[in-house]
N, C-alpha and C. Protein backbone atom coordinates (compact mmCIF):
# COMPACT_ATOMS: atom_id res chain seq x y z
N MET A 1 -126.33 49.47 25.36
CA MET A 1 -126.91 50.05 26.91
C MET A 1 -127.94 50.87 26.37
N ALA A 2 -129.40 50.64 27.20
CA ALA A 2 -130.59 51.62 26.68
C ALA A 2 -130.14 52.85 27.74
N GLN A 3 -130.63 54.03 27.20
CA GLN A 3 -130.31 55.03 27.90
C GLN A 3 -131.38 55.38 29.10
N LYS A 4 -131.06 55.92 30.26
CA LYS A 4 -131.81 55.95 31.22
C LYS A 4 -132.89 56.95 31.05
N VAL A 5 -134.12 57.25 31.45
CA VAL A 5 -135.24 58.27 31.57
C VAL A 5 -135.37 58.30 32.67
N ILE A 6 -134.79 59.67 32.82
CA ILE A 6 -135.76 60.45 34.55
C ILE A 6 -137.23 60.74 34.22
N LYS A 7 -137.84 60.30 35.33
CA LYS A 7 -139.48 60.98 35.11
C LYS A 7 -139.45 61.61 36.93
N TYR A 8 -140.24 62.88 36.67
CA TYR A 8 -140.41 63.46 37.79
C TYR A 8 -141.62 63.26 38.52
N ILE A 9 -141.57 63.08 39.61
CA ILE A 9 -142.66 62.72 40.25
C ILE A 9 -143.32 63.56 41.37
N GLY A 10 -144.56 64.35 41.56
CA GLY A 10 -144.81 65.14 42.41
C GLY A 10 -145.18 66.74 41.79
N ARG A 11 -145.13 67.57 42.81
CA ARG A 11 -145.89 68.71 42.61
C ARG A 11 -144.38 69.53 41.65
N THR A 12 -144.90 70.50 40.66
CA THR A 12 -143.89 71.61 40.21
C THR A 12 -144.14 72.48 40.71
N THR A 13 -142.85 73.73 40.81
CA THR A 13 -143.38 74.93 41.42
C THR A 13 -142.63 76.17 40.14
N ASP A 14 -143.16 77.24 40.12
CA ASP A 14 -142.68 78.24 39.50
C ASP A 14 -141.72 78.81 40.03
N PHE A 15 -141.03 78.60 40.99
CA PHE A 15 -140.42 79.66 41.84
C PHE A 15 -138.89 79.33 41.40
N LYS A 16 -138.26 80.39 41.41
CA LYS A 16 -137.03 80.56 40.88
C LYS A 16 -135.85 81.67 41.90
N GLY A 17 -135.24 80.83 42.20
CA GLY A 17 -134.17 81.90 43.50
C GLY A 17 -133.70 80.81 44.65
N ASN A 18 -133.89 81.69 45.78
CA ASN A 18 -133.12 81.02 47.16
C ASN A 18 -134.31 81.18 48.05
N THR A 19 -134.11 80.62 49.12
CA THR A 19 -134.73 81.08 50.35
C THR A 19 -134.60 82.22 51.12
N LEU A 20 -135.36 82.80 51.83
CA LEU A 20 -134.49 84.03 52.38
C LEU A 20 -133.56 83.83 53.28
N TRP A 21 -133.39 82.70 53.97
CA TRP A 21 -132.56 82.35 54.94
C TRP A 21 -130.98 82.22 54.38
N GLU A 22 -131.19 81.38 52.90
CA GLU A 22 -130.13 81.60 52.32
C GLU A 22 -129.28 82.56 51.74
N LEU A 23 -129.89 83.82 51.59
CA LEU A 23 -129.65 84.95 51.24
C LEU A 23 -129.10 85.61 52.19
N VAL A 24 -129.78 86.14 53.08
CA VAL A 24 -129.65 86.88 54.58
C VAL A 24 -128.18 86.11 55.02
N SER A 25 -128.03 84.74 55.51
CA SER A 25 -127.28 84.04 55.87
C SER A 25 -125.62 84.39 55.52
N ASN A 26 -125.52 85.12 54.25
CA ASN A 26 -124.34 84.87 53.38
C ASN A 26 -123.83 86.31 53.31
N LEU A 27 -124.71 87.07 53.86
CA LEU A 27 -124.25 88.93 53.97
C LEU A 27 -123.80 89.03 54.65
N PRO A 28 -122.94 90.41 54.92
CA PRO A 28 -122.63 91.17 56.03
C PRO A 28 -123.84 91.78 56.88
N ASN A 29 -123.74 91.73 58.20
CA ASN A 29 -124.87 92.36 58.81
C ASN A 29 -126.09 91.67 58.32
N TRP A 30 -126.12 90.20 58.38
CA TRP A 30 -127.55 90.08 57.78
C TRP A 30 -128.13 90.51 56.40
N GLY A 31 -127.42 90.99 55.70
CA GLY A 31 -128.26 92.30 54.53
C GLY A 31 -129.12 93.15 55.00
N VAL A 32 -129.06 93.72 56.11
CA VAL A 32 -129.73 94.91 56.21
C VAL A 32 -129.45 95.90 55.45
N GLY A 33 -130.47 96.69 54.95
CA GLY A 33 -130.31 97.68 53.87
C GLY A 33 -130.28 97.12 52.55
N ARG A 34 -130.39 96.01 52.48
CA ARG A 34 -130.12 95.42 50.88
C ARG A 34 -131.43 95.43 50.52
N MET A 35 -131.80 95.34 49.21
CA MET A 35 -133.08 94.84 48.33
C MET A 35 -132.88 93.85 47.87
N VAL A 36 -134.54 93.32 48.30
CA VAL A 36 -134.65 92.07 47.67
C VAL A 36 -135.90 91.66 47.00
N ILE A 37 -135.90 90.98 46.20
CA ILE A 37 -137.22 90.78 45.26
C ILE A 37 -137.97 89.07 45.49
N ARG A 38 -139.01 89.46 45.50
CA ARG A 38 -139.72 88.18 45.37
C ARG A 38 -140.07 87.80 43.21
N ASN A 39 -139.42 86.74 43.18
CA ASN A 39 -139.57 86.63 41.61
C ASN A 39 -141.19 86.50 41.32
N MET A 40 -141.96 86.26 42.03
CA MET A 40 -143.16 85.68 41.48
C MET A 40 -143.87 87.18 41.39
N PHE A 41 -143.62 88.04 42.08
CA PHE A 41 -144.16 89.45 41.82
C PHE A 41 -143.39 90.23 40.36
N GLN A 42 -142.42 89.76 40.00
CA GLN A 42 -141.69 90.57 38.92
C GLN A 42 -142.66 90.74 37.35
N ARG A 43 -144.27 89.78 37.53
CA ARG A 43 -144.90 89.90 36.65
C ARG A 43 -146.05 90.77 36.17
N TYR A 44 -145.82 91.80 37.44
CA TYR A 44 -146.49 93.19 37.29
C TYR A 44 -145.52 94.31 36.42
N PRO A 45 -145.81 95.25 35.87
CA PRO A 45 -145.39 96.30 35.40
C PRO A 45 -144.90 97.22 36.32
N GLU A 46 -145.41 97.48 37.46
CA GLU A 46 -144.90 98.17 38.38
C GLU A 46 -143.74 97.91 39.38
N PRO A 47 -143.00 98.26 39.96
CA PRO A 47 -141.86 98.02 40.64
C PRO A 47 -142.49 97.20 42.16
N CYS A 48 -142.02 96.13 42.38
CA CYS A 48 -142.12 95.21 43.48
C CYS A 48 -141.20 94.84 44.63
N TYR A 49 -140.53 95.62 45.29
CA TYR A 49 -139.35 95.06 46.11
C TYR A 49 -139.42 94.89 47.31
N MET A 50 -138.29 94.61 48.38
CA MET A 50 -138.41 94.85 49.59
C MET A 50 -137.17 95.25 50.46
N ARG A 51 -137.13 96.08 51.16
CA ARG A 51 -135.58 96.35 51.42
C ARG A 51 -135.67 96.03 53.06
N ILE A 52 -134.86 95.09 53.21
CA ILE A 52 -134.51 94.63 54.39
C ILE A 52 -133.90 95.45 55.60
N LEU A 53 -134.75 95.51 56.75
CA LEU A 53 -134.60 96.49 57.81
C LEU A 53 -134.23 95.71 59.21
N GLN A 54 -134.69 94.33 59.47
CA GLN A 54 -134.47 93.71 60.44
C GLN A 54 -133.97 92.27 60.14
N VAL A 55 -133.39 91.36 60.73
CA VAL A 55 -133.33 90.09 60.71
C VAL A 55 -133.65 89.22 61.87
N GLN A 56 -134.37 88.38 62.18
CA GLN A 56 -134.17 87.78 63.54
C GLN A 56 -134.03 86.11 63.11
N ALA A 57 -133.10 85.71 63.58
CA ALA A 57 -133.20 83.81 63.49
C ALA A 57 -134.04 83.12 64.06
N VAL A 58 -134.32 81.96 63.76
CA VAL A 58 -135.78 81.16 64.57
C VAL A 58 -135.23 79.96 64.70
N ASP A 59 -135.49 79.34 66.18
CA ASP A 59 -134.56 78.01 66.29
C ASP A 59 -135.07 76.96 65.22
N GLU A 60 -134.03 76.00 64.66
CA GLU A 60 -134.28 75.30 63.77
C GLU A 60 -135.02 74.20 64.24
N GLN A 61 -136.00 73.89 63.75
CA GLN A 61 -137.16 72.50 64.22
C GLN A 61 -136.59 71.67 63.55
N PRO A 62 -136.76 70.35 63.87
CA PRO A 62 -136.17 69.25 63.14
C PRO A 62 -137.35 68.75 62.15
N ASP A 63 -136.55 68.20 61.22
CA ASP A 63 -137.77 67.78 59.94
C ASP A 63 -138.37 68.91 59.78
N GLN A 64 -137.95 70.10 59.76
CA GLN A 64 -138.72 71.39 59.01
C GLN A 64 -137.85 72.09 58.27
N ILE A 65 -138.54 72.78 57.37
CA ILE A 65 -137.67 73.63 56.29
C ILE A 65 -137.41 74.99 57.64
N ARG A 66 -136.05 75.32 57.02
CA ARG A 66 -135.35 76.43 58.07
C ARG A 66 -136.34 77.82 57.53
N LYS A 67 -136.75 78.55 58.48
CA LYS A 67 -137.09 79.98 58.50
C LYS A 67 -136.61 80.96 58.85
N VAL A 68 -136.60 82.22 58.70
CA VAL A 68 -136.27 83.35 59.29
C VAL A 68 -137.30 84.37 59.33
N ARG A 69 -137.02 85.19 60.29
CA ARG A 69 -138.04 86.20 60.51
C ARG A 69 -137.34 87.31 60.00
N VAL A 70 -138.04 88.11 58.76
CA VAL A 70 -137.33 89.32 58.35
C VAL A 70 -138.51 90.66 58.26
N THR A 71 -138.05 91.78 58.92
CA THR A 71 -138.81 92.92 58.55
C THR A 71 -138.60 93.54 57.81
N VAL A 72 -138.97 94.05 56.89
CA VAL A 72 -138.93 94.87 55.76
C VAL A 72 -139.93 96.01 55.46
N GLU A 73 -139.33 96.67 54.39
CA GLU A 73 -139.95 97.76 53.97
C GLU A 73 -140.58 97.71 52.64
N LYS A 74 -141.94 97.24 52.25
CA LYS A 74 -142.30 96.54 51.38
C LYS A 74 -142.74 97.79 50.23
N THR A 75 -142.51 97.55 49.10
CA THR A 75 -143.26 98.29 47.98
C THR A 75 -143.85 97.14 47.23
N TRP A 76 -145.04 96.96 47.13
CA TRP A 76 -145.63 96.22 45.84
C TRP A 76 -146.61 96.98 45.18
N ARG A 77 -146.21 96.93 43.70
CA ARG A 77 -146.71 97.44 42.47
C ARG A 77 -146.72 98.93 42.63
N GLY A 78 -145.49 99.52 43.04
CA GLY A 78 -145.41 101.07 43.38
C GLY A 78 -145.54 101.61 44.38
N VAL A 79 -146.34 100.84 45.11
CA VAL A 79 -146.96 101.78 46.51
C VAL A 79 -146.30 101.20 47.67
N THR A 80 -145.33 102.02 48.34
CA THR A 80 -144.75 101.63 49.74
C THR A 80 -145.47 101.55 50.95
N GLN A 81 -145.69 100.12 51.53
CA GLN A 81 -146.85 100.44 52.42
C GLN A 81 -146.12 101.21 53.78
N PRO A 82 -147.07 101.78 54.54
CA PRO A 82 -146.68 102.82 55.49
C PRO A 82 -146.16 102.22 56.84
N LYS A 83 -146.29 101.01 56.96
CA LYS A 83 -145.74 99.98 57.87
C LYS A 83 -144.54 99.05 57.49
N PRO A 84 -143.54 98.72 58.23
CA PRO A 84 -142.84 97.31 58.17
C PRO A 84 -143.71 96.31 58.17
N VAL A 85 -143.25 95.55 57.43
CA VAL A 85 -143.65 94.26 57.19
C VAL A 85 -142.87 93.26 57.65
N GLU A 86 -143.44 92.05 58.31
CA GLU A 86 -142.74 91.00 58.60
C GLU A 86 -142.79 89.86 57.94
N ILE A 87 -141.87 89.45 57.52
CA ILE A 87 -141.69 87.97 56.57
C ILE A 87 -141.45 86.69 57.51
N TYR A 88 -142.34 85.93 57.58
CA TYR A 88 -141.95 84.64 58.31
C TYR A 88 -142.71 83.30 57.75
N SER A 89 -143.79 83.51 57.27
CA SER A 89 -144.45 82.13 56.88
C SER A 89 -143.96 82.17 55.58
N THR A 90 -143.68 83.01 54.70
CA THR A 90 -143.42 82.70 53.31
C THR A 90 -141.97 83.11 53.30
N SER A 91 -140.95 82.58 54.24
CA SER A 91 -139.48 82.71 54.04
C SER A 91 -138.85 81.63 53.49
N TYR A 92 -139.74 80.45 53.71
CA TYR A 92 -138.88 79.08 53.24
C TYR A 92 -139.05 78.97 51.47
N LYS A 93 -140.01 79.61 51.07
CA LYS A 93 -139.98 79.46 49.48
C LYS A 93 -138.78 79.94 48.85
N ALA A 94 -138.50 79.14 47.70
CA ALA A 94 -137.09 79.41 47.14
C ALA A 94 -137.48 80.37 45.82
N ASP A 95 -138.00 81.73 46.28
CA ASP A 95 -138.28 82.59 45.41
C ASP A 95 -137.74 83.93 45.69
N TYR A 96 -136.92 84.00 46.45
CA TYR A 96 -136.23 85.44 46.40
C TYR A 96 -135.03 85.32 46.09
N GLU A 97 -134.59 86.61 45.70
CA GLU A 97 -133.62 87.36 44.97
C GLU A 97 -132.85 88.44 45.32
N LEU A 98 -131.32 88.28 45.60
CA LEU A 98 -130.74 89.52 46.14
C LEU A 98 -130.53 90.42 44.80
N VAL A 99 -131.03 91.67 44.81
CA VAL A 99 -130.84 92.74 43.65
C VAL A 99 -129.51 93.49 44.33
N PRO A 100 -128.53 93.30 43.20
CA PRO A 100 -127.12 93.77 42.89
C PRO A 100 -127.43 95.34 43.17
N GLN A 101 -126.46 95.77 44.06
CA GLN A 101 -126.27 97.14 44.57
C GLN A 101 -126.19 98.19 43.38
N THR A 102 -125.70 97.93 42.27
CA THR A 102 -125.92 98.27 40.71
C THR A 102 -127.13 98.57 40.44
N GLU A 103 -128.14 97.45 40.24
CA GLU A 103 -129.34 97.63 39.76
C GLU A 103 -130.33 97.86 40.90
N GLU A 104 -130.40 98.59 41.84
CA GLU A 104 -131.05 99.14 42.97
C GLU A 104 -131.62 100.41 42.39
N ALA A 105 -131.08 100.95 41.30
CA ALA A 105 -131.47 102.30 41.06
C ALA A 105 -132.68 102.26 39.89
N LYS A 106 -132.56 101.10 39.11
CA LYS A 106 -133.62 100.72 38.32
C LYS A 106 -134.53 100.26 38.87
N PHE A 107 -135.17 99.85 39.88
CA PHE A 107 -136.26 99.50 40.70
C PHE A 107 -137.07 100.90 41.28
N LEU A 108 -135.89 101.77 41.87
CA LEU A 108 -136.26 103.06 42.86
C LEU A 108 -136.72 104.07 41.51
N SER A 109 -135.86 104.16 40.24
CA SER A 109 -136.44 105.14 39.07
C SER A 109 -137.68 104.74 38.45
N ASN A 110 -138.46 103.49 38.41
CA ASN A 110 -139.36 103.02 37.93
C ASN A 110 -140.45 103.59 38.86
N GLN A 111 -141.15 104.52 38.56
CA GLN A 111 -142.37 105.44 38.90
C GLN A 111 -144.11 105.00 38.87
N LYS A 112 -143.94 104.18 37.84
CA LYS A 112 -145.66 103.39 37.71
C LYS A 112 -145.90 102.90 39.17
N LYS A 113 -147.34 102.97 39.22
CA LYS A 113 -147.97 102.75 40.18
C LYS A 113 -149.52 102.27 39.86
N VAL A 114 -150.05 101.38 40.69
CA VAL A 114 -151.30 100.73 40.33
C VAL A 114 -152.19 101.38 40.24
N ALA A 115 -153.14 101.72 39.57
CA ALA A 115 -154.17 102.24 39.36
C ALA A 115 -155.37 102.00 40.76
N PRO A 116 -155.63 102.91 41.51
CA PRO A 116 -156.53 102.63 42.41
C PRO A 116 -158.14 102.08 41.86
N VAL A 117 -158.74 101.16 42.27
CA VAL A 117 -159.86 100.72 41.82
C VAL A 117 -161.09 101.17 42.61
N LEU A 118 -161.94 101.49 41.70
CA LEU A 118 -163.12 102.37 42.89
C LEU A 118 -164.32 101.52 42.54
N LEU A 119 -164.83 100.80 43.63
CA LEU A 119 -166.27 99.66 43.87
C LEU A 119 -167.52 100.66 43.68
N PRO A 120 -168.22 100.12 43.41
CA PRO A 120 -169.57 100.82 43.45
C PRO A 120 -170.23 100.45 44.82
N THR A 121 -170.93 101.32 45.58
CA THR A 121 -171.67 101.37 46.55
C THR A 121 -172.74 100.45 46.46
N LYS A 122 -173.60 99.83 45.71
CA LYS A 122 -174.37 99.11 45.96
C LYS A 122 -174.04 98.46 44.30
N ILE A 123 -174.62 96.64 44.46
CA ILE A 123 -174.84 95.88 43.44
C ILE A 123 -175.87 95.27 43.36
N ASP A 124 -176.38 94.79 42.19
CA ASP A 124 -177.29 93.87 41.78
C ASP A 124 -177.69 92.74 42.89
N LEU A 125 -178.89 92.36 43.08
CA LEU A 125 -178.67 90.79 43.77
C LEU A 125 -178.64 89.81 43.20
N PRO A 126 -178.11 88.72 43.20
CA PRO A 126 -178.46 87.71 42.48
C PRO A 126 -179.57 87.28 41.81
N PRO A 127 -180.17 86.45 40.56
CA PRO A 127 -181.52 86.76 40.17
C PRO A 127 -182.42 85.65 41.10
N LEU A 128 -182.03 84.67 41.52
CA LEU A 128 -183.32 84.35 42.55
C LEU A 128 -183.64 84.85 43.67
N LEU A 129 -182.08 85.31 44.37
CA LEU A 129 -182.46 86.25 45.50
C LEU A 129 -183.18 87.83 44.98
N ARG A 130 -182.70 88.07 44.30
CA ARG A 130 -183.53 89.27 43.69
C ARG A 130 -185.31 89.29 43.65
N GLU A 131 -185.55 88.04 42.79
CA GLU A 131 -186.96 87.34 42.87
C GLU A 131 -187.68 87.49 44.08
N TYR A 132 -186.84 86.91 45.10
CA TYR A 132 -187.58 86.43 46.33
C TYR A 132 -187.71 87.92 47.21
N VAL A 133 -186.61 88.42 46.99
CA VAL A 133 -186.90 90.01 47.84
C VAL A 133 -187.76 90.66 47.27
N ARG A 134 -187.90 90.71 45.85
CA ARG A 134 -189.25 91.47 45.38
C ARG A 134 -190.51 91.16 45.79
N GLU A 135 -190.59 89.91 46.20
CA GLU A 135 -192.08 89.13 46.31
C GLU A 135 -192.20 89.81 48.02
N GLU A 136 -191.06 89.66 48.68
CA GLU A 136 -191.09 89.82 50.15
C GLU A 136 -191.46 91.52 50.47
N THR A 137 -190.42 92.24 49.54
CA THR A 137 -190.83 93.69 50.27
C THR A 137 -191.16 94.64 49.02
N GLY A 138 -191.73 93.92 48.00
CA GLY A 138 -192.36 94.71 46.89
C GLY A 138 -191.89 95.61 46.02
N GLU A 139 -190.24 95.68 46.34
CA GLU A 139 -189.63 96.82 45.76
C GLU A 139 -189.32 96.30 44.02
N ALA A 140 -189.04 97.49 43.36
CA ALA A 140 -189.34 96.93 41.97
C ALA A 140 -187.91 96.35 41.89
N ASN A 141 -186.51 96.90 41.99
CA ASN A 141 -185.27 96.47 41.45
C ASN A 141 -184.23 96.68 42.95
N PRO A 142 -184.43 95.75 43.80
CA PRO A 142 -183.29 95.70 44.81
C PRO A 142 -182.26 95.40 44.74
N PHE A 143 -181.41 96.45 45.45
CA PHE A 143 -179.82 96.55 45.65
C PHE A 143 -179.36 95.76 46.66
N MET A 144 -178.04 95.41 46.81
CA MET A 144 -177.29 94.88 47.95
C MET A 144 -176.15 96.17 47.89
N LYS A 145 -175.97 96.17 49.38
CA LYS A 145 -174.97 97.69 49.73
C LYS A 145 -173.51 96.80 49.86
N VAL A 146 -172.47 97.31 49.46
CA VAL A 146 -171.18 96.84 49.08
C VAL A 146 -170.51 97.18 50.39
N HIS A 147 -170.07 95.92 51.27
CA HIS A 147 -169.17 96.19 52.29
C HIS A 147 -167.78 95.75 51.94
N PHE A 148 -166.65 96.44 52.16
CA PHE A 148 -165.39 96.27 51.89
C PHE A 148 -164.52 96.48 53.13
N LYS A 149 -163.50 95.54 53.29
CA LYS A 149 -162.60 95.75 54.45
C LYS A 149 -161.25 96.48 53.69
N LYS A 150 -161.12 97.54 54.10
CA LYS A 150 -159.96 98.29 53.88
C LYS A 150 -158.64 98.12 54.45
N THR A 151 -157.63 97.42 54.09
CA THR A 151 -156.55 97.10 54.58
C THR A 151 -155.38 97.62 53.75
N HIS A 152 -154.23 97.76 54.08
CA HIS A 152 -152.99 98.65 53.61
C HIS A 152 -152.47 97.85 52.36
N ASN A 153 -152.87 96.81 52.18
CA ASN A 153 -152.06 96.01 50.90
C ASN A 153 -153.45 96.26 49.74
N LYS A 154 -154.40 96.40 50.00
CA LYS A 154 -155.53 96.25 48.81
C LYS A 154 -155.62 97.88 48.21
N GLN A 155 -155.65 97.95 47.11
CA GLN A 155 -155.60 99.32 46.15
C GLN A 155 -156.99 99.44 45.66
N ALA A 156 -158.03 99.32 46.29
CA ALA A 156 -159.48 99.34 45.81
C ALA A 156 -159.92 100.21 47.08
N ARG A 157 -161.28 100.87 46.79
CA ARG A 157 -161.97 101.67 47.88
C ARG A 157 -163.12 101.68 47.28
N ILE A 158 -164.57 101.97 48.02
CA ILE A 158 -165.50 102.11 47.82
C ILE A 158 -165.54 103.81 47.24
N ALA A 159 -166.49 104.14 46.14
CA ALA A 159 -166.66 104.98 45.32
C ALA A 159 -167.14 106.12 46.59
N GLN A 160 -166.88 107.72 46.33
CA GLN A 160 -167.78 108.32 47.32
C GLN A 160 -168.61 108.95 46.80
N PRO A 161 -169.49 109.66 47.46
CA PRO A 161 -170.88 110.32 46.54
C PRO A 161 -170.05 111.45 45.49
N GLY A 162 -170.70 111.20 44.28
CA GLY A 162 -170.07 111.82 42.89
C GLY A 162 -168.87 111.10 42.16
N GLU A 163 -168.37 110.08 42.81
CA GLU A 163 -166.98 109.48 42.03
C GLU A 163 -167.94 108.56 41.19
N GLN A 164 -167.32 108.37 40.16
CA GLN A 164 -167.82 107.01 39.13
C GLN A 164 -166.98 105.87 39.42
N PRO A 165 -167.60 104.80 39.85
CA PRO A 165 -166.63 103.40 40.13
C PRO A 165 -166.02 103.07 38.33
N THR A 166 -164.91 102.49 39.25
CA THR A 166 -164.28 102.12 37.48
C THR A 166 -164.40 100.85 37.50
N LEU A 167 -164.98 99.88 38.50
CA LEU A 167 -165.78 98.31 38.35
C LEU A 167 -166.94 98.02 38.51
N GLN A 168 -167.43 97.73 37.42
CA GLN A 168 -168.90 97.47 37.24
C GLN A 168 -169.16 95.60 37.74
N VAL A 169 -169.98 95.63 38.83
CA VAL A 169 -170.24 94.15 38.92
C VAL A 169 -171.70 93.94 38.75
N SER A 170 -171.92 93.21 37.99
CA SER A 170 -173.38 92.69 37.34
C SER A 170 -173.56 91.22 37.61
N MET A 171 -174.69 90.61 37.84
CA MET A 171 -175.35 89.46 37.87
C MET A 171 -175.40 88.56 37.23
N ASP A 172 -175.53 89.33 35.78
CA ASP A 172 -176.37 88.40 34.58
C ASP A 172 -175.61 87.59 34.13
N LEU A 173 -175.57 86.99 33.11
CA LEU A 173 -174.74 86.50 31.91
C LEU A 173 -173.91 87.11 31.37
N GLY A 174 -174.19 88.21 31.09
CA GLY A 174 -173.18 89.40 30.47
C GLY A 174 -173.27 88.65 28.78
N GLN A 175 -172.42 89.22 28.32
CA GLN A 175 -172.28 89.39 26.88
C GLN A 175 -171.41 87.98 26.23
N PRO A 176 -172.05 87.06 25.58
CA PRO A 176 -170.90 86.30 25.42
C PRO A 176 -170.15 86.27 24.42
N LYS A 177 -168.85 85.94 24.46
CA LYS A 177 -167.87 85.92 23.33
C LYS A 177 -168.39 85.24 22.21
N PRO A 178 -167.78 86.15 21.19
CA PRO A 178 -168.44 85.67 19.62
C PRO A 178 -167.95 83.99 19.30
N VAL A 179 -166.76 83.42 20.03
CA VAL A 179 -166.77 82.12 19.75
C VAL A 179 -167.68 81.11 20.11
N SER A 180 -168.21 81.58 21.70
CA SER A 180 -169.01 80.59 22.49
C SER A 180 -170.47 81.25 22.32
N SER A 181 -170.95 82.35 21.19
CA SER A 181 -172.18 82.90 21.53
C SER A 181 -173.26 81.68 20.92
N LYS A 182 -172.75 80.89 20.11
CA LYS A 182 -173.80 79.65 19.44
C LYS A 182 -174.16 78.93 20.46
N LEU A 183 -173.52 78.81 21.68
CA LEU A 183 -173.81 78.02 23.09
C LEU A 183 -175.37 78.48 23.78
N TYR A 184 -175.39 80.12 23.25
CA TYR A 184 -176.28 80.98 24.14
C TYR A 184 -177.53 80.96 23.36
N GLU A 185 -177.61 80.22 21.86
CA GLU A 185 -178.33 80.82 21.08
C GLU A 185 -179.98 80.10 21.63
N GLY A 186 -181.01 81.00 21.41
CA GLY A 186 -182.29 80.24 22.14
C GLY A 186 -182.80 80.49 23.63
N LEU A 187 -181.50 81.09 24.38
CA LEU A 187 -181.57 81.41 25.91
C LEU A 187 -181.54 82.67 26.21
N LEU A 188 -181.19 83.57 25.35
CA LEU A 188 -181.09 85.16 25.61
C LEU A 188 -181.91 85.60 25.07
């Protein structure tokens, strides 16, 4: 008798764990006060975790995945958000894991924080636009002012006067890698 071959069809996922509903529904007091991690965020060296503050069940819709509305205190890449965050739209993903109470100290003792990124206040224009602006204004080296919307989740900001930006943005081709430099011969 021939051995059956199993062939998987469809999208694969990198998720590892349970949905948020599966976790909180089995805990006393809906898991309020417990620590939850999202496995997708464990790739960072800084600690990423959430402490459950409030759980609110949502009416189950037929033919839809079960979701739950959870308010958490979120720490992402070592920085605790100033306001509680509500998780609803991603609560159906099977990527959450409950942290055992004995291992919570491991996350709390990790003091690493993501370094803030300082953006320049002005950047070069793209080459074609730069030539057009030169013709129109007569300015030899035109720049574009950087606009950046600051939110509680972003770890970047525009450099203040006197500060040196940590991120340099350029519109040129840059320096080719040694492997691909032969592709640029005669062009640069």
